[in-house]
Amino acid sequence: MKRRKSDRQYVWEYMRRNRLFRVEDLLPLVDMGTESLRKYFGQLERAGYIRARKINGKVPKRFTERSYGLVKNTGILCPVWVDKQKRLYDRNNQELQIRDPSMTLPVEVKKRGKMKPIKPIEYDKGRIVRLLEDEDLDLLQLAERSGVSNGRFSIAIAKLKEEGIIEEKGKRMGVPVYTRRANAP
């Protein structure tokens, strides 16, 4: 099941497509109320992402009549409000906004080395082993809870037995029950 994008993400994508935009154009596109949108725009403006545009030398008093320009486009993901710290966190460049909008503080990210794609069989095996960490399950329960397709599930079970990571503990109503070996990696 695909997760629905947040309203803030829709707003961010709209701002990235249309560098100059009006609030009244955004309101019908999202389920966000005017007050929520005003709060989000305030956060973005204080952090230096957007700037209200002046009309005849003044910013309109009514929020719905304002126009904005995107000043800082850091990437595809919208900045997220961190409520505990009362600051925006930019997921694109992994920076936490400091109180002064002209400065940003990089968030430490532990690098684990080069990320390599995992083979599907290894992923399937990992899901099965994780399920067996807490309890012994029969073959039908494992197949259902793992979410792995039938063909790949059979291959993963066979590999895990071959590698000595899991073993058959017995049978429950004719269905094999598996457990994770105590000395398995």
C-alpha atoms as a PDB file:
ATOM      1  CA  MET A   1       0.000   0.000   0.000  1.00  0.00           C
ATOM      2  CA  LYS A   2       1.445   3.336  -1.035  1.00  0.00           C
ATOM      3  CA  ARG A   3       1.571   5.995   1.659  1.00  0.00           C
ATOM      4  CA  ARG A   4      -0.219   9.271   0.990  1.00  0.00           C
ATOM      5  CA  LYS A   5       1.950  12.355   0.787  1.00  0.00           C
ATOM      6  CA  SER A   6       1.462  14.961   3.492  1.00  0.00           C
ATOM      7  CA  ASP A   7      -0.170  18.283   2.652  1.00  0.00           C
ATOM      8  CA  ARG A   8       3.130  19.997   3.416  1.00  0.00           C
ATOM      9  CA  GLN A   9       4.832  17.812   0.808  1.00  0.00           C
ATOM     10  CA  TYR A  10       2.199  18.795  -1.787  1.00  0.00           C
ATOM     11  CA  VAL A  11       2.702  22.470  -0.913  1.00  0.00           C
ATOM     12  CA  TRP A  12       6.495  22.078  -1.174  1.00  0.00           C
ATOM     13  CA  GLU A  13       6.229  20.403  -4.583  1.00  0.00           C
ATOM     14  CA  TYR A  14       3.913  23.187  -5.784  1.00  0.00           C
ATOM     15  CA  MET A  15       6.407  25.823  -4.595  1.00  0.00           C
ATOM     16  CA  ARG A  16       9.265  24.065  -6.362  1.00  0.00           C
ATOM     17  CA  ARG A  17       7.306  23.938  -9.639  1.00  0.00           C
ATOM     18  CA  ASN A  18       6.071  27.536  -9.409  1.00  0.00           C
ATOM     19  CA  ARG A  19       8.836  29.696  -7.963  1.00  0.00           C
ATOM     20  CA  LEU A  20       6.343  32.549  -7.558  1.00  0.00           C
ATOM     21  CA  PHE A  21       2.925  31.610  -6.188  1.00  0.00           C
ATOM     22  CA  ARG A  22      -0.142  32.990  -4.453  1.00  0.00           C
ATOM     23  CA  VAL A  23      -1.690  31.552  -1.307  1.00  0.00           C
ATOM     24  CA  GLU A  24      -5.183  31.585  -2.830  1.00  0.00           C
ATOM     25  CA  ASP A  25      -3.936  29.271  -5.613  1.00  0.00           C
ATOM     26  CA  LEU A  26      -2.671  26.740  -3.073  1.00  0.00           C
ATOM     27  CA  LEU A  27      -5.712  26.541  -0.777  1.00  0.00           C
ATOM     28  CA  PRO A  28      -7.987  24.517  -3.086  1.00  0.00           C
ATOM     29  CA  LEU A  29      -5.192  22.019  -3.841  1.00  0.00           C
ATOM     30  CA  VAL A  30      -4.629  20.764  -0.285  1.00  0.00           C
ATOM     31  CA  ASP A  31      -6.779  19.724   2.681  1.00  0.00           C
ATOM     32  CA  MET A  32      -4.827  22.104   4.879  1.00  0.00           C
ATOM     33  CA  GLY A  33      -6.773  24.912   6.527  1.00  0.00           C
ATOM     34  CA  THR A  34      -5.784  28.555   6.133  1.00  0.00           C
ATOM     35  CA  GLU A  35      -4.402  28.693   9.673  1.00  0.00           C
ATOM     36  CA  SER A  36      -2.226  25.571   9.192  1.00  0.00           C
ATOM     37  CA  LEU A  37      -0.922  26.933   5.907  1.00  0.00           C
ATOM     38  CA  ARG A  38      -0.173  30.312   7.535  1.00  0.00           C
ATOM     39  CA  LYS A  39       1.778  28.524  10.293  1.00  0.00           C
ATOM     40  CA  TYR A  40       3.759  26.443   7.773  1.00  0.00           C
ATOM     41  CA  PHE A  41       4.549  29.509   5.656  1.00  0.00           C
ATOM     42  CA  GLY A  42       5.683  31.344   8.785  1.00  0.00           C
ATOM     43  CA  GLN A  43       8.076  28.501   9.594  1.00  0.00           C
ATOM     44  CA  LEU A  44       9.429  28.461   6.036  1.00  0.00           C
ATOM     45  CA  GLU A  45       9.754  32.239   5.942  1.00  0.00           C
ATOM     46  CA  ARG A  46      11.630  32.461   9.270  1.00  0.00           C
ATOM     47  CA  ALA A  47      13.973  29.701   8.068  1.00  0.00           C
ATOM     48  CA  GLY A  48      14.678  31.598   4.838  1.00  0.00           C
ATOM     49  CA  TYR A  49      13.018  29.200   2.373  1.00  0.00           C
ATOM     50  CA  ILE A  50      10.359  31.601   1.096  1.00  0.00           C
ATOM     51  CA  ARG A  51       9.857  35.361   1.083  1.00  0.00           C
ATOM     52  CA  ALA A  52       6.617  37.325   0.924  1.00  0.00           C
ATOM     53  CA  ARG A  53       6.457  39.521  -2.176  1.00  0.00           C
ATOM     54  CA  LYS A  54       5.591  43.152  -1.834  1.00  0.00           C
ATOM     55  CA  ILE A  55       2.775  44.697  -3.843  1.00  0.00           C
ATOM     56  CA  ASN A  56       3.049  48.480  -4.156  1.00  0.00           C
ATOM     57  CA  GLY A  57       5.863  48.399  -1.605  1.00  0.00           C
ATOM     58  CA  LYS A  58       3.857  46.500   1.059  1.00  0.00           C
ATOM     59  CA  VAL A  59       3.058  42.898   1.951  1.00  0.00           C
ATOM     60  CA  PRO A  60      -0.759  42.449   1.957  1.00  0.00           C
ATOM     61  CA  LYS A  61      -2.225  42.141   5.459  1.00  0.00           C
ATOM     62  CA  ARG A  62      -4.622  39.334   4.543  1.00  0.00           C
ATOM     63  CA  PHE A  63      -2.749  36.047   4.300  1.00  0.00           C
ATOM     64  CA  THR A  64      -4.864  34.716   1.415  1.00  0.00           C
ATOM     65  CA  GLU A  65      -3.932  37.741  -0.726  1.00  0.00           C
ATOM     66  CA  ARG A  66      -0.179  37.301  -0.314  1.00  0.00           C
ATOM     67  CA  SER A  67       2.276  36.155  -2.951  1.00  0.00           C
ATOM     68  CA  TYR A  68       5.494  34.351  -2.125  1.00  0.00           C
ATOM     69  CA  GLY A  69       8.704  33.459  -3.865  1.00  0.00           C
ATOM     70  CA  LEU A  70      10.779  30.351  -3.220  1.00  0.00           C
ATOM     71  CA  VAL A  71      14.244  31.516  -2.170  1.00  0.00           C
ATOM     72  CA  LYS A  72      15.920  28.289  -1.024  1.00  0.00           C
ATOM     73  CA  ASN A  73      15.134  25.095  -2.926  1.00  0.00           C
ATOM     74  CA  THR A  74      17.175  22.352  -1.280  1.00  0.00           C
ATOM     75  CA  GLY A  75      15.551  19.329  -2.887  1.00  0.00           C
ATOM     76  CA  ILE A  76      12.550  17.109  -3.365  1.00  0.00           C
ATOM     77  CA  LEU A  77      11.583  16.561   0.308  1.00  0.00           C
ATOM     78  CA  CYS A  78       9.788  19.270   2.264  1.00  0.00           C
ATOM     79  CA  PRO A  79      11.397  20.654   5.416  1.00  0.00           C
ATOM     80  CA  VAL A  80       9.923  19.073   8.559  1.00  0.00           C
ATOM     81  CA  TRP A  81       9.064  20.937  11.754  1.00  0.00           C
ATOM     82  CA  VAL A  82      10.789  19.473  14.842  1.00  0.00           C
ATOM     83  CA  ASP A  83       8.390  20.460  17.602  1.00  0.00           C
ATOM     84  CA  LYS A  84      10.723  19.745  20.538  1.00  0.00           C
ATOM     85  CA  GLN A  85      13.368  22.099  19.194  1.00  0.00           C
ATOM     86  CA  LYS A  86      10.974  24.534  17.491  1.00  0.00           C
ATOM     87  CA  ARG A  87      13.029  24.413  14.304  1.00  0.00           C
ATOM     88  CA  LEU A  88      12.856  23.116  10.760  1.00  0.00           C
ATOM     89  CA  TYR A  89      14.842  20.046   9.724  1.00  0.00           C
ATOM     90  CA  ASP A  90      15.769  19.829   6.054  1.00  0.00           C
ATOM     91  CA  ARG A  91      15.796  16.168   5.023  1.00  0.00           C
ATOM     92  CA  ASN A  92      17.501  16.932   1.706  1.00  0.00           C
ATOM     93  CA  ASN A  93      20.752  18.323   3.075  1.00  0.00           C
ATOM     94  CA  GLN A  94      20.211  17.011   6.632  1.00  0.00           C
ATOM     95  CA  GLU A  95      20.448  20.392   8.305  1.00  0.00           C
ATOM     96  CA  LEU A  96      18.641  21.689  11.356  1.00  0.00           C
ATOM     97  CA  GLN A  97      17.708  25.343  11.080  1.00  0.00           C
ATOM     98  CA  ILE A  98      19.167  27.577  13.798  1.00  0.00           C
ATOM     99  CA  ARG A  99      17.177  30.514  15.162  1.00  0.00           C
ATOM    100  CA  ASP A 100      19.030  32.883  12.819  1.00  0.00           C
ATOM    101  CA  PRO A 101      17.761  32.079   9.287  1.00  0.00           C
ATOM    102  CA  SER A 102      21.109  32.957   7.746  1.00  0.00           C
ATOM    103  CA  MET A 103      22.785  30.033   9.528  1.00  0.00           C
ATOM    104  CA  THR A 104      22.125  26.311   9.480  1.00  0.00           C
ATOM    105  CA  LEU A 105      23.600  23.645  11.703  1.00  0.00           C
ATOM    106  CA  PRO A 106      24.498  20.345  10.038  1.00  0.00           C
ATOM    107  CA  VAL A 107      23.078  17.309  11.788  1.00  0.00           C
ATOM    108  CA  GLU A 108      25.605  14.547  12.322  1.00  0.00           C
ATOM    109  CA  VAL A 109      24.865  11.544  10.162  1.00  0.00           C
ATOM    110  CA  LYS A 110      26.788   8.393  10.838  1.00  0.00           C
ATOM    111  CA  LYS A 111      28.054   7.018   7.586  1.00  0.00           C
ATOM    112  CA  ARG A 112      28.261   3.257   7.445  1.00  0.00           C
ATOM    113  CA  GLY A 113      30.385   3.172   4.373  1.00  0.00           C
ATOM    114  CA  LYS A 114      29.129   2.597   0.891  1.00  0.00           C
ATOM    115  CA  MET A 115      25.546   1.497   0.666  1.00  0.00           C
ATOM    116  CA  LYS A 116      25.214  -1.549  -1.523  1.00  0.00           C
ATOM    117  CA  PRO A 117      21.957  -2.883  -2.841  1.00  0.00           C
ATOM    118  CA  ILE A 118      20.855  -6.011  -1.024  1.00  0.00           C
ATOM    119  CA  LYS A 119      19.946  -9.103  -2.992  1.00  0.00           C
ATOM    120  CA  PRO A 120      16.257 -10.037  -2.788  1.00  0.00           C
ATOM    121  CA  ILE A 121      17.032 -13.487  -1.347  1.00  0.00           C
ATOM    122  CA  GLU A 122      19.049 -11.921   1.485  1.00  0.00           C
ATOM    123  CA  TYR A 123      16.195  -9.543   2.225  1.00  0.00           C
ATOM    124  CA  ASP A 124      13.709 -12.427   2.314  1.00  0.00           C
ATOM    125  CA  LYS A 125      15.970 -14.471   4.593  1.00  0.00           C
ATOM    126  CA  GLY A 126      16.349 -11.515   6.943  1.00  0.00           C
ATOM    127  CA  ARG A 127      12.594 -11.074   7.239  1.00  0.00           C
ATOM    128  CA  ILE A 128      12.123 -14.741   8.123  1.00  0.00           C
ATOM    129  CA  VAL A 129      14.961 -14.779  10.673  1.00  0.00           C
ATOM    130  CA  ARG A 130      13.590 -11.630  12.338  1.00  0.00           C
ATOM    131  CA  LEU A 131      10.222 -13.323  12.785  1.00  0.00           C
ATOM    132  CA  LEU A 132      11.875 -16.338  14.410  1.00  0.00           C
ATOM    133  CA  GLU A 133      13.815 -14.223  16.919  1.00  0.00           C
ATOM    134  CA  ASP A 134      10.824 -13.869  19.241  1.00  0.00           C
ATOM    135  CA  GLU A 135       8.949 -17.139  18.820  1.00  0.00           C
ATOM    136  CA  ASP A 136       8.851 -20.446  17.000  1.00  0.00           C
ATOM    137  CA  LEU A 137       6.431 -20.403  14.089  1.00  0.00           C
ATOM    138  CA  ASP A 138       5.049 -23.010  11.754  1.00  0.00           C
ATOM    139  CA  LEU A 139       5.575 -22.797   8.015  1.00  0.00           C
ATOM    140  CA  LEU A 140       2.137 -21.295   7.323  1.00  0.00           C
ATOM    141  CA  GLN A 141       2.533 -18.571   9.972  1.00  0.00           C
ATOM    142  CA  LEU A 142       5.992 -17.714   8.656  1.00  0.00           C
ATOM    143  CA  ALA A 143       4.745 -17.457   5.071  1.00  0.00           C
ATOM    144  CA  GLU A 144       1.850 -15.218   6.086  1.00  0.00           C
ATOM    145  CA  ARG A 145       3.747 -12.891   8.420  1.00  0.00           C
ATOM    146  CA  SER A 146       6.863 -12.496   6.272  1.00  0.00           C
ATOM    147  CA  GLY A 147       4.987 -11.065   3.300  1.00  0.00           C
ATOM    148  CA  VAL A 148       7.346 -12.861   0.922  1.00  0.00           C
ATOM    149  CA  SER A 149       5.825 -14.390  -2.219  1.00  0.00           C
ATOM    150  CA  ASN A 150       5.438 -18.189  -2.291  1.00  0.00           C
ATOM    151  CA  GLY A 151       8.257 -18.976  -4.709  1.00  0.00           C
ATOM    152  CA  ARG A 152      10.785 -16.724  -3.002  1.00  0.00           C
ATOM    153  CA  PHE A 153       9.643 -17.899   0.439  1.00  0.00           C
ATOM    154  CA  SER A 154      10.409 -21.562  -0.374  1.00  0.00           C
ATOM    155  CA  ILE A 155      13.862 -20.627  -1.672  1.00  0.00           C
ATOM    156  CA  ALA A 156      14.607 -18.507   1.407  1.00  0.00           C
ATOM    157  CA  ILE A 157      13.530 -21.296   3.815  1.00  0.00           C
ATOM    158  CA  ALA A 158      15.658 -23.827   1.939  1.00  0.00           C
ATOM    159  CA  LYS A 159      18.713 -21.524   2.041  1.00  0.00           C
ATOM    160  CA  LEU A 160      18.265 -20.803   5.763  1.00  0.00           C
ATOM    161  CA  LYS A 161      18.057 -24.533   6.550  1.00  0.00           C
ATOM    162  CA  GLU A 162      21.066 -25.216   4.320  1.00  0.00           C
ATOM    163  CA  GLU A 163      23.114 -22.496   6.068  1.00  0.00           C
ATOM    164  CA  GLY A 164      22.101 -23.856   9.497  1.00  0.00           C
ATOM    165  CA  ILE A 165      20.431 -20.650  10.634  1.00  0.00           C
ATOM    166  CA  ILE A 166      17.029 -22.223  11.233  1.00  0.00           C
ATOM    167  CA  GLU A 167      15.967 -25.771  11.974  1.00  0.00           C
ATOM    168  CA  GLU A 168      12.775 -27.755  12.085  1.00  0.00           C
ATOM    169  CA  LYS A 169      11.676 -28.132  15.700  1.00  0.00           C
ATOM    170  CA  GLY A 170       8.786 -30.482  15.103  1.00  0.00           C
ATOM    171  CA  LYS A 171       5.337 -30.486  13.574  1.00  0.00           C
ATOM    172  CA  ARG A 172       2.096 -28.838  14.568  1.00  0.00           C
ATOM    173  CA  MET A 173      -0.931 -30.491  12.960  1.00  0.00           C
ATOM    174  CA  GLY A 174       1.307 -31.855  10.206  1.00  0.00           C
ATOM    175  CA  VAL A 175       2.937 -28.492   9.445  1.00  0.00           C
ATOM    176  CA  PRO A 176       6.668 -28.066  10.209  1.00  0.00           C
ATOM    177  CA  VAL A 177       7.524 -25.662  13.046  1.00  0.00           C
ATOM    178  CA  TYR A 178      10.784 -23.723  12.699  1.00  0.00           C
ATOM    179  CA  THR A 179      13.082 -22.181  15.258  1.00  0.00           C
ATOM    180  CA  ARG A 180      16.226 -20.131  14.988  1.00  0.00           C
ATOM    181  CA  ARG A 181      19.352 -21.984  16.049  1.00  0.00           C
ATOM    182  CA  ALA A 182      20.899 -20.599  19.217  1.00  0.00           C
ATOM    183  CA  ASN A 183      24.429 -20.471  17.763  1.00  0.00           C
ATOM    184  CA  ALA A 184      23.322 -19.094  14.379  1.00  0.00           C
ATOM    185  CA  PRO A 185      24.862 -15.833  13.165  1.00  0.00           C
END
